[in-house]
Amino acid sequence: MKHAYFYLPLILLLSACGQKAEEAKTEPVRPREAMQMTRIVGIATIEPLERLRTLNAEVSGVITEVLVRDGQHVVRGETLLTLDNQVEGAQLDQALSRLGTQKAAVAAAKSVMETREIQWKKAVADGQRDAKLAEGNALSRQALENSQFQANQNLMLMQEAAAALAQQEARLRETEADIRYYQTLMGRRAVRSPMAGTFLSVNVRTGSYLNNTTDLGDFSPDGPLIAITEVDELFAGSVRTGLKAHIRNQGDDGELAKGRVVFVGDYLKKKSLFSGKPDDLEDRRVREVRVELEEGSGVLIGSRVECVISLK
């Protein structure tokens, strides 16, 4: 009997716990509230809106002078460097010397033409006068024929002079065209900037040989800056142009600059900007997004930052 009284409280306690557990199982489970995503954070790099470029020259030659330096701003058409132009200069001098000679030849041919024209007009007038005299029997037929022959001969001489003048004028135009051509070649020996912007680095030096594949340096065209980021395919459908965004240093909540989304890629592609390793085999797709930053942001080109896109 003593053992029965000992186990009775234990049985009652277990029964009560089992009843509470059964009651707990029958209570309805409340669904977790749906989580709403309000922003997307991605790694971004800072570049100009027109993207970084490497400039090249159209001609080849030895560099005689470099007129830009790292960090220098240039305007469109500003001379960046000059190339050796001795050959082109000699060709231009030859063409200029021929120009004076040819102008003198044109002037001489024109003088001959004017003389022949005067002679022809006089012969025509003499022929008309002799024709009237012949009508009144005051001039023999032989004399009239001689007068007409003289007029025809002077006409032929005038036509020859006109042809010679046209030929000399054509040569003059050719010489002038040669001069313009050599002047163009001379102008191309000065390499000029195709647009306004800043040379981030200059890769050429005086005395080196330049060809059309040589990079002059890294060039940043004028214009606003953009943050280029990539959004994972899981969130790619949530991004659209016009969304507000800002950038910050990695691991920092401080805001560096504000902006808005101006470009969203039309397709998903492999990671390109920020893949961890060249041999990364992760089969994930991303959507490229570009955020145009407000003026005066002061962020350095090439900076690697965090881009926070607000989805509200």
C-alpha atoms as a PDB file:
ATOM      1  CA  MET A   1       0.000   0.000   0.000  1.00  0.00           C
ATOM      2  CA  LYS A   2       2.851   2.332   0.707  1.00  0.00           C
ATOM      3  CA  HIS A   3       4.070   2.051  -2.913  1.00  0.00           C
ATOM      4  CA  ALA A   4       0.612   2.765  -4.333  1.00  0.00           C
ATOM      5  CA  TYR A   5       0.355   6.084  -2.489  1.00  0.00           C
ATOM      6  CA  PHE A   6       3.817   7.066  -3.817  1.00  0.00           C
ATOM      7  CA  TYR A   7       2.969   6.570  -7.514  1.00  0.00           C
ATOM      8  CA  LEU A   8      -0.477   8.160  -7.408  1.00  0.00           C
ATOM      9  CA  PRO A   9       0.709  11.833  -7.412  1.00  0.00           C
ATOM     10  CA  LEU A  10       3.138  11.037 -10.228  1.00  0.00           C
ATOM     11  CA  ILE A  11       0.342   9.544 -12.360  1.00  0.00           C
ATOM     12  CA  LEU A  12      -1.892  12.560 -11.756  1.00  0.00           C
ATOM     13  CA  LEU A  13       0.949  14.954 -12.728  1.00  0.00           C
ATOM     14  CA  LEU A  14       1.673  13.141 -15.993  1.00  0.00           C
ATOM     15  CA  SER A  15      -1.995  13.077 -16.841  1.00  0.00           C
ATOM     16  CA  ALA A  16      -2.280  16.834 -16.379  1.00  0.00           C
ATOM     17  CA  CYS A  17       0.769  17.521 -18.556  1.00  0.00           C
ATOM     18  CA  GLY A  18      -0.561  15.279 -21.283  1.00  0.00           C
ATOM     19  CA  GLN A  19      -3.883  17.073 -21.231  1.00  0.00           C
ATOM     20  CA  LYS A  20      -2.166  20.486 -21.608  1.00  0.00           C
ATOM     21  CA  ALA A  21      -0.042  19.186 -24.475  1.00  0.00           C
ATOM     22  CA  GLU A  22      -3.147  17.883 -26.205  1.00  0.00           C
ATOM     23  CA  GLU A  23      -4.856  21.261 -25.768  1.00  0.00           C
ATOM     24  CA  ALA A  24      -1.774  23.021 -27.192  1.00  0.00           C
ATOM     25  CA  LYS A  25      -1.824  20.822 -30.281  1.00  0.00           C
ATOM     26  CA  THR A  26      -5.401  21.684 -31.030  1.00  0.00           C
ATOM     27  CA  GLU A  27      -4.795  25.506 -31.040  1.00  0.00           C
ATOM     28  CA  PRO A  28      -4.715  26.999 -34.582  1.00  0.00           C
ATOM     29  CA  VAL A  29      -1.296  28.132 -35.855  1.00  0.00           C
ATOM     30  CA  ARG A  30      -1.176  31.831 -36.827  1.00  0.00           C
ATOM     31  CA  PRO A  31       0.369  32.427 -40.288  1.00  0.00           C
ATOM     32  CA  ARG A  32       3.569  34.480 -40.370  1.00  0.00           C
ATOM     33  CA  GLU A  33       2.981  37.952 -41.804  1.00  0.00           C
ATOM     34  CA  ALA A  34       4.257  38.260 -45.388  1.00  0.00           C
ATOM     35  CA  MET A  35       7.589  40.061 -45.592  1.00  0.00           C
ATOM     36  CA  GLN A  36       7.585  43.032 -47.946  1.00  0.00           C
ATOM     37  CA  MET A  37      10.931  43.899 -49.642  1.00  0.00           C
ATOM     38  CA  THR A  38      11.549  47.659 -49.637  1.00  0.00           C
ATOM     39  CA  ARG A  39      15.059  47.941 -51.077  1.00  0.00           C
ATOM     40  CA  ILE A  40      17.773  46.102 -52.956  1.00  0.00           C
ATOM     41  CA  VAL A  41      21.456  46.468 -52.118  1.00  0.00           C
ATOM     42  CA  GLY A  42      24.178  45.602 -54.594  1.00  0.00           C
ATOM     43  CA  ILE A  43      27.844  46.278 -55.212  1.00  0.00           C
ATOM     44  CA  ALA A  44      28.428  49.000 -57.830  1.00  0.00           C
ATOM     45  CA  THR A  45      31.254  50.781 -59.602  1.00  0.00           C
ATOM     46  CA  ILE A  46      31.286  54.474 -60.495  1.00  0.00           C
ATOM     47  CA  GLU A  47      31.764  55.471 -64.137  1.00  0.00           C
ATOM     48  CA  PRO A  48      30.857  58.423 -66.383  1.00  0.00           C
ATOM     49  CA  LEU A  49      27.483  58.286 -68.115  1.00  0.00           C
ATOM     50  CA  GLU A  50      29.285  57.941 -71.472  1.00  0.00           C
ATOM     51  CA  ARG A  51      31.531  55.222 -69.970  1.00  0.00           C
ATOM     52  CA  LEU A  52      35.317  55.266 -69.732  1.00  0.00           C
ATOM     53  CA  ARG A  53      37.148  55.280 -73.056  1.00  0.00           C
ATOM     54  CA  THR A  54      40.615  54.801 -74.460  1.00  0.00           C
ATOM     55  CA  LEU A  55      41.400  57.299 -77.221  1.00  0.00           C
ATOM     56  CA  ASN A  56      43.449  56.459 -80.319  1.00  0.00           C
ATOM     57  CA  ALA A  57      45.028  58.532 -83.086  1.00  0.00           C
ATOM     58  CA  GLU A  58      44.142  58.188 -86.767  1.00  0.00           C
ATOM     59  CA  VAL A  59      47.749  58.504 -87.976  1.00  0.00           C
ATOM     60  CA  SER A  60      51.155  57.104 -87.132  1.00  0.00           C
ATOM     61  CA  GLY A  61      54.434  58.779 -86.346  1.00  0.00           C
ATOM     62  CA  VAL A  62      56.990  59.764 -83.757  1.00  0.00           C
ATOM     63  CA  ILE A  63      55.606  61.909 -80.935  1.00  0.00           C
ATOM     64  CA  THR A  64      57.377  65.270 -80.751  1.00  0.00           C
ATOM     65  CA  GLU A  65      55.397  66.764 -77.856  1.00  0.00           C
ATOM     66  CA  VAL A  66      52.727  65.620 -75.364  1.00  0.00           C
ATOM     67  CA  LEU A  67      50.531  68.531 -74.313  1.00  0.00           C
ATOM     68  CA  VAL A  68      48.307  66.811 -71.694  1.00  0.00           C
ATOM     69  CA  ARG A  69      48.974  65.273 -68.314  1.00  0.00           C
ATOM     70  CA  ASP A  70      47.150  62.996 -65.899  1.00  0.00           C
ATOM     71  CA  GLY A  71      43.964  64.559 -64.550  1.00  0.00           C
ATOM     72  CA  GLN A  72      43.852  67.380 -67.107  1.00  0.00           C
ATOM     73  CA  HIS A  73      40.505  68.518 -68.501  1.00  0.00           C
ATOM     74  CA  VAL A  74      40.365  69.204 -72.253  1.00  0.00           C
ATOM     75  CA  VAL A  75      37.742  70.641 -74.582  1.00  0.00           C
ATOM     76  CA  ARG A  76      36.698  69.300 -77.947  1.00  0.00           C
ATOM     77  CA  GLY A  77      39.323  70.030 -80.615  1.00  0.00           C
ATOM     78  CA  GLU A  78      42.111  70.769 -78.131  1.00  0.00           C
ATOM     79  CA  THR A  79      45.546  69.532 -79.218  1.00  0.00           C
ATOM     80  CA  LEU A  80      46.674  66.541 -77.155  1.00  0.00           C
ATOM     81  CA  LEU A  81      50.030  65.818 -78.791  1.00  0.00           C
ATOM     82  CA  THR A  82      51.988  66.519 -81.970  1.00  0.00           C
ATOM     83  CA  LEU A  83      53.747  64.123 -84.340  1.00  0.00           C
ATOM     84  CA  ASP A  84      56.803  64.617 -86.524  1.00  0.00           C
ATOM     85  CA  ASN A  85      55.676  66.498 -89.684  1.00  0.00           C
ATOM     86  CA  GLN A  86      58.876  67.088 -91.679  1.00  0.00           C
ATOM     87  CA  VAL A  87      57.725  65.070 -94.704  1.00  0.00           C
ATOM     88  CA  GLU A  88      54.286  66.673 -94.786  1.00  0.00           C
ATOM     89  CA  GLY A  89      55.837  70.121 -94.332  1.00  0.00           C
ATOM     90  CA  ALA A  90      58.171  69.594 -97.297  1.00  0.00           C
ATOM     91  CA  GLN A  91      55.277  68.419 -99.480  1.00  0.00           C
ATOM     92  CA  LEU A  92      53.265  71.482 -98.524  1.00  0.00           C
ATOM     93  CA  ASP A  93      56.179  73.811 -99.316  1.00  0.00           C
ATOM     94  CA  GLN A  94      56.541  72.227-102.768  1.00  0.00           C
ATOM     95  CA  ALA A  95      52.852  72.679-103.486  1.00  0.00           C
ATOM     96  CA  LEU A  96      52.968  76.303-102.345  1.00  0.00           C
ATOM     97  CA  SER A  97      55.940  77.003-104.623  1.00  0.00           C
ATOM     98  CA  ARG A  98      54.072  75.479-107.580  1.00  0.00           C
ATOM     99  CA  LEU A  99      51.099  77.654-106.766  1.00  0.00           C
ATOM    100  CA  GLY A 100      52.956  80.879-107.577  1.00  0.00           C
ATOM    101  CA  THR A 101      54.361  79.450-110.810  1.00  0.00           C
ATOM    102  CA  GLN A 102      50.968  78.206-111.903  1.00  0.00           C
ATOM    103  CA  LYS A 103      49.263  81.502-111.156  1.00  0.00           C
ATOM    104  CA  ALA A 104      51.833  83.208-113.426  1.00  0.00           C
ATOM    105  CA  ALA A 105      51.114  80.637-116.154  1.00  0.00           C
ATOM    106  CA  VAL A 106      47.384  81.333-115.887  1.00  0.00           C
ATOM    107  CA  ALA A 107      47.978  85.073-116.109  1.00  0.00           C
ATOM    108  CA  ALA A 108      50.140  84.634-119.249  1.00  0.00           C
ATOM    109  CA  ALA A 109      47.584  82.370-120.909  1.00  0.00           C
ATOM    110  CA  LYS A 110      44.836  84.834-120.079  1.00  0.00           C
ATOM    111  CA  SER A 111      46.857  87.672-121.652  1.00  0.00           C
ATOM    112  CA  VAL A 112      47.321  85.623-124.855  1.00  0.00           C
ATOM    113  CA  MET A 113      43.628  84.854-124.874  1.00  0.00           C
ATOM    114  CA  GLU A 114      42.715  88.516-124.578  1.00  0.00           C
ATOM    115  CA  THR A 115      45.132  89.423-127.405  1.00  0.00           C
ATOM    116  CA  ARG A 116      43.702  86.737-129.696  1.00  0.00           C
ATOM    117  CA  GLU A 117      40.207  87.896-128.933  1.00  0.00           C
ATOM    118  CA  ILE A 118      41.081  91.485-129.881  1.00  0.00           C
ATOM    119  CA  GLN A 119      42.690  90.324-133.117  1.00  0.00           C
ATOM    120  CA  TRP A 120      39.674  88.187-133.987  1.00  0.00           C
ATOM    121  CA  LYS A 121      37.236  91.028-133.351  1.00  0.00           C
ATOM    122  CA  LYS A 122      39.331  93.365-135.540  1.00  0.00           C
ATOM    123  CA  ALA A 123      39.457  90.754-138.342  1.00  0.00           C
ATOM    124  CA  VAL A 124      35.672  90.327-138.134  1.00  0.00           C
ATOM    125  CA  ALA A 125      35.186  94.095-138.370  1.00  0.00           C
ATOM    126  CA  ASP A 126      37.600  94.308-141.327  1.00  0.00           C
ATOM    127  CA  GLY A 127      35.752  91.479-143.065  1.00  0.00           C
ATOM    128  CA  GLN A 128      32.409  93.222-142.641  1.00  0.00           C
ATOM    129  CA  ARG A 129      33.868  96.442-144.045  1.00  0.00           C
ATOM    130  CA  ASP A 130      35.457  94.636-147.009  1.00  0.00           C
ATOM    131  CA  ALA A 131      32.172  92.877-147.737  1.00  0.00           C
ATOM    132  CA  LYS A 132      30.423  96.247-148.135  1.00  0.00           C
ATOM    133  CA  LEU A 133      33.236  97.508-150.361  1.00  0.00           C
ATOM    134  CA  ALA A 134      32.969  94.389-152.506  1.00  0.00           C
ATOM    135  CA  GLU A 135      29.221  94.953-152.924  1.00  0.00           C
ATOM    136  CA  GLY A 136      30.020  98.358-154.467  1.00  0.00           C
ATOM    137  CA  ASN A 137      32.730  96.883-156.631  1.00  0.00           C
ATOM    138  CA  ALA A 138      35.285  98.906-154.631  1.00  0.00           C
ATOM    139  CA  LEU A 139      37.197  95.780-153.570  1.00  0.00           C
ATOM    140  CA  SER A 140      38.267  92.756-155.513  1.00  0.00           C
ATOM    141  CA  ARG A 141      36.898  89.308-154.698  1.00  0.00           C
ATOM    142  CA  GLN A 142      40.435  88.101-153.872  1.00  0.00           C
ATOM    143  CA  ALA A 143      40.868  90.828-151.282  1.00  0.00           C
ATOM    144  CA  LEU A 144      37.483  89.908-149.732  1.00  0.00           C
ATOM    145  CA  GLU A 145      38.447  86.254-149.499  1.00  0.00           C
ATOM    146  CA  ASN A 146      41.740  87.190-147.860  1.00  0.00           C
ATOM    147  CA  SER A 147      39.872  89.289-145.316  1.00  0.00           C
ATOM    148  CA  GLN A 148      37.476  86.422-144.487  1.00  0.00           C
ATOM    149  CA  PHE A 149      40.398  83.990-144.216  1.00  0.00           C
ATOM    150  CA  GLN A 150      42.109  86.343-141.773  1.00  0.00           C
ATOM    151  CA  ALA A 151      38.978  86.460-139.621  1.00  0.00           C
ATOM    152  CA  ASN A 152      38.658  82.666-139.573  1.00  0.00           C
ATOM    153  CA  GLN A 153      42.338  82.256-138.757  1.00  0.00           C
ATOM    154  CA  ASN A 154      42.097  84.672-135.836  1.00  0.00           C
ATOM    155  CA  LEU A 155      39.025  82.779-134.596  1.00  0.00           C
ATOM    156  CA  MET A 156      41.002  79.534-134.534  1.00  0.00           C
ATOM    157  CA  LEU A 157      43.897  81.221-132.732  1.00  0.00           C
ATOM    158  CA  MET A 158      41.504  82.631-130.151  1.00  0.00           C
ATOM    159  CA  GLN A 159      39.967  79.166-129.589  1.00  0.00           C
ATOM    160  CA  GLU A 160      43.441  77.672-129.128  1.00  0.00           C
ATOM    161  CA  ALA A 161      44.265  80.394-126.609  1.00  0.00           C
ATOM    162  CA  ALA A 162      40.992  79.688-124.751  1.00  0.00           C
ATOM    163  CA  ALA A 163      41.858  75.987-124.570  1.00  0.00           C
ATOM    164  CA  ALA A 164      45.365  76.786-123.278  1.00  0.00           C
ATOM    165  CA  LEU A 165      43.888  79.100-120.635  1.00  0.00           C
ATOM    166  CA  ALA A 166      41.428  76.421-119.496  1.00  0.00           C
ATOM    167  CA  GLN A 167      44.281  73.926-119.219  1.00  0.00           C
ATOM    168  CA  GLN A 168      46.381  76.284-117.086  1.00  0.00           C
ATOM    169  CA  GLU A 169      43.382  77.073-114.859  1.00  0.00           C
ATOM    170  CA  ALA A 170      42.787  73.316-114.375  1.00  0.00           C
ATOM    171  CA  ARG A 171      46.403  72.885-113.318  1.00  0.00           C
ATOM    172  CA  LEU A 172      45.963  75.766-110.901  1.00  0.00           C
ATOM    173  CA  ARG A 173      42.937  74.049-109.325  1.00  0.00           C
ATOM    174  CA  GLU A 174      44.948  70.828-109.037  1.00  0.00           C
ATOM    175  CA  THR A 175      47.756  72.695-107.283  1.00  0.00           C
ATOM    176  CA  GLU A 176      45.294  74.319-104.898  1.00  0.00           C
ATOM    177  CA  ALA A 177      43.777  70.892-104.184  1.00  0.00           C
ATOM    178  CA  ASP A 178      47.261  69.529-103.462  1.00  0.00           C
ATOM    179  CA  ILE A 179      47.836  72.373-101.038  1.00  0.00           C
ATOM    180  CA  ARG A 180      44.577  71.642 -99.198  1.00  0.00           C
ATOM    181  CA  TYR A 181      45.513  67.955 -99.064  1.00  0.00           C
ATOM    182  CA  TYR A 182      48.953  68.600 -97.624  1.00  0.00           C
ATOM    183  CA  GLN A 183      47.485  71.112 -95.192  1.00  0.00           C
ATOM    184  CA  THR A 184      45.094  68.387 -94.042  1.00  0.00           C
ATOM    185  CA  LEU A 185      48.003  66.010 -93.560  1.00  0.00           C
ATOM    186  CA  MET A 186      49.826  68.673 -91.586  1.00  0.00           C
ATOM    187  CA  GLY A 187      46.735  69.235 -89.446  1.00  0.00           C
ATOM    188  CA  ARG A 188      46.473  65.543 -88.676  1.00  0.00           C
ATOM    189  CA  ARG A 189      49.987  65.581 -87.263  1.00  0.00           C
ATOM    190  CA  ALA A 190      48.406  67.368 -84.319  1.00  0.00           C
ATOM    191  CA  VAL A 191      46.195  64.832 -82.500  1.00  0.00           C
ATOM    192  CA  ARG A 192      43.107  66.552 -81.098  1.00  0.00           C
ATOM    193  CA  SER A 193      40.479  65.557 -78.568  1.00  0.00           C
ATOM    194  CA  PRO A 194      37.219  64.331 -80.159  1.00  0.00           C
ATOM    195  CA  MET A 195      35.172  65.503 -77.169  1.00  0.00           C
ATOM    196  CA  ALA A 196      35.358  67.353 -73.878  1.00  0.00           C
ATOM    197  CA  GLY A 197      36.468  65.386 -70.863  1.00  0.00           C
ATOM    198  CA  THR A 198      39.270  64.526 -68.468  1.00  0.00           C
ATOM    199  CA  PHE A 199      42.363  62.420 -69.078  1.00  0.00           C
ATOM    200  CA  LEU A 200      42.511  60.109 -66.082  1.00  0.00           C
ATOM    201  CA  SER A 201      45.875  58.792 -67.269  1.00  0.00           C
ATOM    202  CA  VAL A 202      48.205  59.518 -70.192  1.00  0.00           C
ATOM    203  CA  ASN A 203      50.000  56.468 -71.596  1.00  0.00           C
ATOM    204  CA  VAL A 204      52.224  58.056 -74.291  1.00  0.00           C
ATOM    205  CA  ARG A 205      55.541  59.870 -74.011  1.00  0.00           C
ATOM    206  CA  THR A 206      57.612  62.194 -76.198  1.00  0.00           C
ATOM    207  CA  GLY A 207      59.864  60.299 -78.602  1.00  0.00           C
ATOM    208  CA  SER A 208      57.776  57.122 -78.682  1.00  0.00           C
ATOM    209  CA  TYR A 209      56.203  55.813 -81.885  1.00  0.00           C
ATOM    210  CA  LEU A 210      52.445  56.139 -82.182  1.00  0.00           C
ATOM    211  CA  ASN A 211      50.138  54.137 -84.430  1.00  0.00           C
ATOM    212  CA  ASN A 212      46.369  53.858 -84.752  1.00  0.00           C
ATOM    213  CA  THR A 213      46.226  51.039 -82.196  1.00  0.00           C
ATOM    214  CA  THR A 214      48.172  52.854 -79.478  1.00  0.00           C
ATOM    215  CA  ASP A 215      46.039  53.892 -76.491  1.00  0.00           C
ATOM    216  CA  LEU A 216      46.585  57.530 -75.623  1.00  0.00           C
ATOM    217  CA  GLY A 217      45.177  56.945 -72.140  1.00  0.00           C
ATOM    218  CA  ASP A 218      42.023  56.493 -70.077  1.00  0.00           C
ATOM    219  CA  PHE A 219      39.516  59.230 -70.877  1.00  0.00           C
ATOM    220  CA  SER A 220      36.401  60.256 -68.976  1.00  0.00           C
ATOM    221  CA  PRO A 221      33.891  62.221 -71.099  1.00  0.00           C
ATOM    222  CA  ASP A 222      32.120  65.163 -69.482  1.00  0.00           C
ATOM    223  CA  GLY A 223      28.706  64.448 -68.008  1.00  0.00           C
ATOM    224  CA  PRO A 224      27.042  62.995 -64.924  1.00  0.00           C
ATOM    225  CA  LEU A 225      28.358  59.949 -63.104  1.00  0.00           C
ATOM    226  CA  ILE A 226      26.541  56.633 -62.882  1.00  0.00           C
ATOM    227  CA  ALA A 227      26.685  53.680 -60.529  1.00  0.00           C
ATOM    228  CA  ILE A 228      26.651  50.381 -62.418  1.00  0.00           C
ATOM    229  CA  THR A 229      25.345  47.441 -60.429  1.00  0.00           C
ATOM    230  CA  GLU A 230      23.926  43.968 -61.026  1.00  0.00           C
ATOM    231  CA  VAL A 231      20.703  42.678 -59.467  1.00  0.00           C
ATOM    232  CA  ASP A 232      20.237  38.960 -58.863  1.00  0.00           C
ATOM    233  CA  GLU A 233      17.598  37.237 -60.963  1.00  0.00           C
ATOM    234  CA  LEU A 234      15.435  36.659 -57.849  1.00  0.00           C
ATOM    235  CA  PHE A 235      14.868  40.420 -57.569  1.00  0.00           C
ATOM    236  CA  ALA A 236      15.318  41.428 -61.213  1.00  0.00           C
ATOM    237  CA  GLY A 237      11.597  41.895 -61.813  1.00  0.00           C
ATOM    238  CA  SER A 238      11.298  44.440 -59.006  1.00  0.00           C
ATOM    239  CA  VAL A 239      13.641  46.999 -60.582  1.00  0.00           C
ATOM    240  CA  ARG A 240      12.483  49.640 -63.075  1.00  0.00           C
ATOM    241  CA  THR A 241      13.634  53.021 -64.326  1.00  0.00           C
ATOM    242  CA  GLY A 242      12.775  56.034 -62.205  1.00  0.00           C
ATOM    243  CA  LEU A 243      13.315  54.364 -58.843  1.00  0.00           C
ATOM    244  CA  LYS A 244      15.245  56.397 -56.305  1.00  0.00           C
ATOM    245  CA  ALA A 245      18.599  55.148 -55.128  1.00  0.00           C
ATOM    246  CA  HIS A 246      21.669  56.190 -53.223  1.00  0.00           C
ATOM    247  CA  ILE A 247      25.208  54.954 -52.808  1.00  0.00           C
ATOM    248  CA  ARG A 248      27.293  54.420 -49.718  1.00  0.00           C
ATOM    249  CA  ASN A 249      30.664  53.046 -48.774  1.00  0.00           C
ATOM    250  CA  GLN A 250      30.755  49.296 -48.328  1.00  0.00           C
ATOM    251  CA  GLY A 251      29.783  48.371 -44.796  1.00  0.00           C
ATOM    252  CA  ASP A 252      28.754  51.953 -43.960  1.00  0.00           C
ATOM    253  CA  ASP A 253      25.274  53.461 -43.618  1.00  0.00           C
ATOM    254  CA  GLY A 254      26.433  56.963 -44.526  1.00  0.00           C
ATOM    255  CA  GLU A 255      25.015  58.310 -47.804  1.00  0.00           C
ATOM    256  CA  LEU A 256      27.560  59.427 -50.403  1.00  0.00           C
ATOM    257  CA  ALA A 257      25.228  60.534 -53.187  1.00  0.00           C
ATOM    258  CA  LYS A 258      21.645  60.261 -54.368  1.00  0.00           C
ATOM    259  CA  GLY A 259      20.375  59.278 -57.785  1.00  0.00           C
ATOM    260  CA  ARG A 260      17.737  57.450 -59.788  1.00  0.00           C
ATOM    261  CA  VAL A 261      17.624  54.377 -61.972  1.00  0.00           C
ATOM    262  CA  VAL A 262      18.030  55.375 -65.642  1.00  0.00           C
ATOM    263  CA  PHE A 263      18.717  52.008 -67.245  1.00  0.00           C
ATOM    264  CA  VAL A 264      17.572  48.460 -66.636  1.00  0.00           C
ATOM    265  CA  GLY A 265      18.908  45.638 -68.795  1.00  0.00           C
ATOM    266  CA  ASP A 266      16.470  43.888 -71.118  1.00  0.00           C
ATOM    267  CA  TYR A 267      17.820  40.433 -70.364  1.00  0.00           C
ATOM    268  CA  LEU A 268      19.532  38.350 -67.721  1.00  0.00           C
ATOM    269  CA  LYS A 269      23.211  37.626 -68.212  1.00  0.00           C
ATOM    270  CA  LYS A 270      26.081  35.978 -66.421  1.00  0.00           C
ATOM    271  CA  LYS A 271      27.785  37.830 -63.637  1.00  0.00           C
ATOM    272  CA  SER A 272      30.363  40.132 -65.156  1.00  0.00           C
ATOM    273  CA  LEU A 273      31.144  43.018 -62.834  1.00  0.00           C
ATOM    274  CA  PHE A 274      31.485  41.353 -59.491  1.00  0.00           C
ATOM    275  CA  SER A 275      32.001  37.628 -59.867  1.00  0.00           C
ATOM    276  CA  GLY A 276      34.237  36.404 -57.110  1.00  0.00           C
ATOM    277  CA  LYS A 277      36.535  34.252 -59.232  1.00  0.00           C
ATOM    278  CA  PRO A 278      37.150  33.807 -62.958  1.00  0.00           C
ATOM    279  CA  ASP A 279      36.266  30.135 -62.639  1.00  0.00           C
ATOM    280  CA  ASP A 280      33.081  30.728 -60.667  1.00  0.00           C
ATOM    281  CA  LEU A 281      30.650  28.014 -61.828  1.00  0.00           C
ATOM    282  CA  GLU A 282      27.591  29.304 -59.980  1.00  0.00           C
ATOM    283  CA  ASP A 283      24.728  29.292 -62.470  1.00  0.00           C
ATOM    284  CA  ARG A 284      23.097  32.543 -61.406  1.00  0.00           C
ATOM    285  CA  ARG A 285      21.879  35.274 -63.737  1.00  0.00           C
ATOM    286  CA  VAL A 286      21.862  39.009 -63.097  1.00  0.00           C
ATOM    287  CA  ARG A 287      20.256  42.104 -64.539  1.00  0.00           C
ATOM    288  CA  GLU A 288      22.392  45.173 -65.162  1.00  0.00           C
ATOM    289  CA  VAL A 289      21.139  48.400 -63.591  1.00  0.00           C
ATOM    290  CA  ARG A 290      22.555  51.920 -63.963  1.00  0.00           C
ATOM    291  CA  VAL A 291      21.867  54.722 -61.504  1.00  0.00           C
ATOM    292  CA  GLU A 292      22.534  58.311 -62.564  1.00  0.00           C
ATOM    293  CA  LEU A 293      23.898  60.309 -59.648  1.00  0.00           C
ATOM    294  CA  GLU A 294      22.976  63.876 -58.839  1.00  0.00           C
ATOM    295  CA  GLU A 295      25.450  66.637 -59.696  1.00  0.00           C
ATOM    296  CA  GLY A 296      28.103  67.470 -57.145  1.00  0.00           C
ATOM    297  CA  SER A 297      28.299  63.973 -55.723  1.00  0.00           C
ATOM    298  CA  GLY A 298      32.100  64.122 -55.636  1.00  0.00           C
ATOM    299  CA  VAL A 299      32.479  60.357 -55.861  1.00  0.00           C
ATOM    300  CA  LEU A 300      35.708  59.166 -57.440  1.00  0.00           C
ATOM    301  CA  ILE A 301      35.474  57.401 -60.781  1.00  0.00           C
ATOM    302  CA  GLY A 302      36.286  53.728 -60.350  1.00  0.00           C
ATOM    303  CA  SER A 303      35.105  53.612 -56.744  1.00  0.00           C
ATOM    304  CA  ARG A 304      33.539  50.364 -55.572  1.00  0.00           C
ATOM    305  CA  VAL A 305      30.513  51.160 -53.432  1.00  0.00           C
ATOM    306  CA  GLU A 306      27.164  49.788 -52.321  1.00  0.00           C
ATOM    307  CA  CYS A 307      24.105  50.872 -54.335  1.00  0.00           C
ATOM    308  CA  VAL A 308      20.812  50.916 -52.445  1.00  0.00           C
ATOM    309  CA  ILE A 309      17.728  50.941 -54.681  1.00  0.00           C
ATOM    310  CA  SER A 310      14.462  51.901 -52.992  1.00  0.00           C
ATOM    311  CA  LEU A 311      11.442  49.910 -54.215  1.00  0.00           C
ATOM    312  CA  LYS A 312       8.823  52.175 -52.617  1.00  0.00           C
END
